[in-house]
Protein backbone atom coordinates (compact mmCIF):
# COMPACT_ATOMS: atom_id res chain seq x y z
CA MET A 1 141.65 191.72 284.63
CA ALA A 2 139.83 188.00 284.34
CA LYS A 3 138.04 188.26 281.53
CA ARG A 4 141.34 189.69 279.69
CA MET A 5 143.02 186.37 280.88
CA GLY A 6 140.37 184.01 279.92
CA ILE A 7 140.78 186.11 276.57
CA ARG A 8 144.09 185.67 276.01
CA ILE A 9 143.83 181.74 276.98
CA ARG A 10 141.35 181.71 274.49
CA ARG A 11 143.66 183.30 272.32
CA LEU A 12 146.67 180.88 273.18
CA ALA A 13 144.51 177.63 272.62
CA ALA A 14 143.35 178.95 268.92
CA VAL A 15 147.26 179.38 268.12
CA LEU A 16 148.16 175.96 269.52
CA ALA A 17 145.35 174.14 267.51
CA LEU A 18 145.68 175.90 264.16
CA ALA A 19 149.52 174.92 264.46
CA ALA A 20 148.68 171.37 265.69
CA SER A 21 146.38 171.00 262.65
CA ALA A 22 148.89 172.87 260.45
CA ASN A 23 151.66 169.48 261.71
CA ALA A 24 148.38 167.38 260.28
CA SER A 25 148.65 168.78 257.02
CA ALA A 26 150.50 169.40 253.66
CA GLU A 27 153.76 171.06 254.10
CA LEU A 28 153.59 174.72 252.63
CA VAL A 29 156.12 176.66 251.05
CA VAL A 30 156.78 180.28 250.90
CA ILE A 31 157.64 181.22 246.75
CA VAL A 32 158.56 183.69 244.73
CA SER A 33 159.13 184.12 240.98
CA ALA A 34 162.05 181.77 239.45
CA ARG A 35 163.36 185.40 238.27
CA ASN A 36 163.66 187.03 241.20
CA PRO A 37 167.13 186.59 242.61
CA ALA A 38 165.92 187.11 246.46
CA PRO A 39 167.66 185.14 248.44
CA LEU A 40 166.27 182.36 251.40
CA LEU A 41 164.16 184.54 253.96
CA SER A 42 163.70 183.77 257.55
CA SER A 43 159.91 183.28 258.93
CA ASP A 44 160.65 186.63 260.50
CA GLN A 45 161.16 188.47 257.31
CA VAL A 46 158.29 186.38 255.63
CA ALA A 47 155.79 187.54 258.52
CA ALA A 48 157.40 191.16 257.99
CA ILE A 49 156.01 191.36 254.37
CA PHE A 50 152.95 189.61 254.67
CA LEU A 51 152.24 191.42 257.90
CA GLY A 52 152.92 195.26 255.99
CA GLN A 53 155.90 195.61 258.19
CA ALA A 54 158.56 195.38 255.09
CA ARG A 55 158.23 196.29 251.33
CA ARG A 56 161.38 195.63 250.51
CA PHE A 57 163.06 192.10 249.87
CA PRO A 58 166.16 191.94 251.95
CA ASP A 59 168.33 192.13 248.71
CA GLY A 60 165.68 196.15 248.28
CA ALA A 61 163.60 194.79 245.05
CA GLN A 62 159.91 195.26 246.26
CA ALA A 63 157.91 192.84 247.68
CA GLU A 64 154.15 192.49 247.66
CA ALA A 65 152.35 189.35 249.49
CA LEU A 66 149.73 187.23 248.05
CA ASP A 67 147.72 185.48 250.36
CA GLN A 68 144.94 182.84 249.48
CA ARG A 69 141.32 182.97 249.48
CA LEU A 70 140.22 184.22 253.03
CA GLY A 71 138.79 180.98 255.18
CA SER A 72 141.11 178.62 253.38
CA HIS A 73 143.02 175.94 254.81
CA GLU A 74 146.31 177.11 253.81
CA ARG A 75 145.79 180.97 254.40
CA ASN A 76 145.18 179.70 258.43
CA GLN A 77 148.12 176.97 258.22
CA PHE A 78 150.69 179.91 257.00
CA TYR A 79 149.20 182.58 259.69
CA ALA A 80 149.67 180.22 262.22
CA GLN A 81 153.07 179.32 261.32
CA VAL A 82 154.42 181.95 260.64
CA ALA A 83 152.84 184.80 262.27
CA GLY A 84 151.27 182.81 265.25
CA LYS A 85 148.16 184.05 264.25
CA THR A 86 144.41 183.69 264.25
CA PRO A 87 142.67 185.00 261.36
CA ALA A 88 140.80 186.87 264.27
CA LEU A 89 144.13 188.55 265.48
CA LEU A 90 145.10 188.90 261.98
CA LYS A 91 141.53 190.54 260.98
CA ALA A 92 142.18 192.72 264.31
CA HIS A 93 146.08 193.50 263.04
CA TRP A 94 144.92 194.51 259.25
CA SER A 95 141.72 196.59 260.68
CA LYS A 96 144.20 198.93 263.26
CA LEU A 97 146.25 198.98 259.97
CA VAL A 98 143.42 200.46 257.67
CA PHE A 99 142.13 202.40 260.39
CA THR A 100 145.15 204.41 260.92
CA GLY A 101 146.15 204.48 257.26
CA ARG A 102 149.93 202.87 257.68
CA GLY A 103 148.54 199.87 255.31
CA GLN A 104 146.38 197.64 253.70
CA PRO A 105 145.84 193.79 253.48
CA PRO A 106 147.62 191.32 250.62
CA ARG A 107 145.76 190.97 247.62
CA GLU A 108 143.97 187.54 247.85
CA ALA A 109 144.06 184.96 244.39
CA ALA A 110 141.67 182.25 244.86
CA ASP A 111 143.59 179.12 245.25
CA GLY A 112 147.30 177.87 245.46
CA ALA A 113 147.15 177.43 241.40
CA ALA A 114 146.14 180.95 240.90
CA VAL A 115 148.80 182.05 243.68
CA ARG A 116 151.40 179.92 241.72
CA ARG A 117 150.27 181.21 238.29
CA MET A 118 150.62 185.29 239.30
CA VAL A 119 153.79 185.10 241.65
CA ALA A 120 155.69 183.49 238.17
CA ASP A 121 154.19 186.00 236.42
CA ASN A 122 155.56 189.06 238.73
CA PRO A 123 158.91 188.84 240.35
CA SER A 124 157.43 191.45 243.08
CA LEU A 125 154.77 188.85 244.21
CA ILE A 126 155.79 186.60 246.89
CA GLY A 127 152.92 184.08 248.30
CA TYR A 128 152.32 180.51 249.61
CA ILE A 129 151.53 176.95 248.04
CA ASP A 130 151.72 173.74 249.02
CA ARG A 131 155.09 171.99 248.37
CA ALA A 132 153.17 169.28 245.63
CA ALA A 133 152.17 172.19 243.28
CA LEU A 134 155.87 173.28 242.98
CA ASP A 135 156.86 173.50 239.43
CA ALA A 136 160.36 175.52 237.59
CA SER A 137 157.79 178.91 237.36
CA VAL A 138 158.52 179.66 240.63
CA ARG A 139 160.64 178.71 243.59
CA PRO A 140 161.29 178.11 247.17
CA VAL A 141 162.55 180.99 249.77
CA LEU A 142 160.73 179.10 253.11
CA VAL A 143 159.63 175.84 253.58
CA LEU A 144 157.27 175.43 256.62
CA ARG A 145 157.08 172.04 257.97
């Protein structure tokens, strides 16, 4: 029991540390192609797509999440803010879904520029980038503060 409580406290501390570092970081935006008619999304809707719980945008169109590379600051910040998950918790989440055959983690792109290019070219994709990297090829559907 005490061991489990210690693990929970460490996890909570890690999430809080990630959230604190996120506040000192650049502002992230969740983006879709400029050709995608999806409305603004809530954090819960975005989390559901990125955690494999939803495969469609609210209008019914297919949604495919695109992550930044494993270990990147942007990825860690994104999951801490949207899903409240540390990298370890996220790995455990996907391990369980893959093992049970209920899902596969999102594809990865090398960096924010690659995410923006790929999302701009495919209206089904949804990704996240630094707000400063926005251009007319994509549009934000959620701003993370």
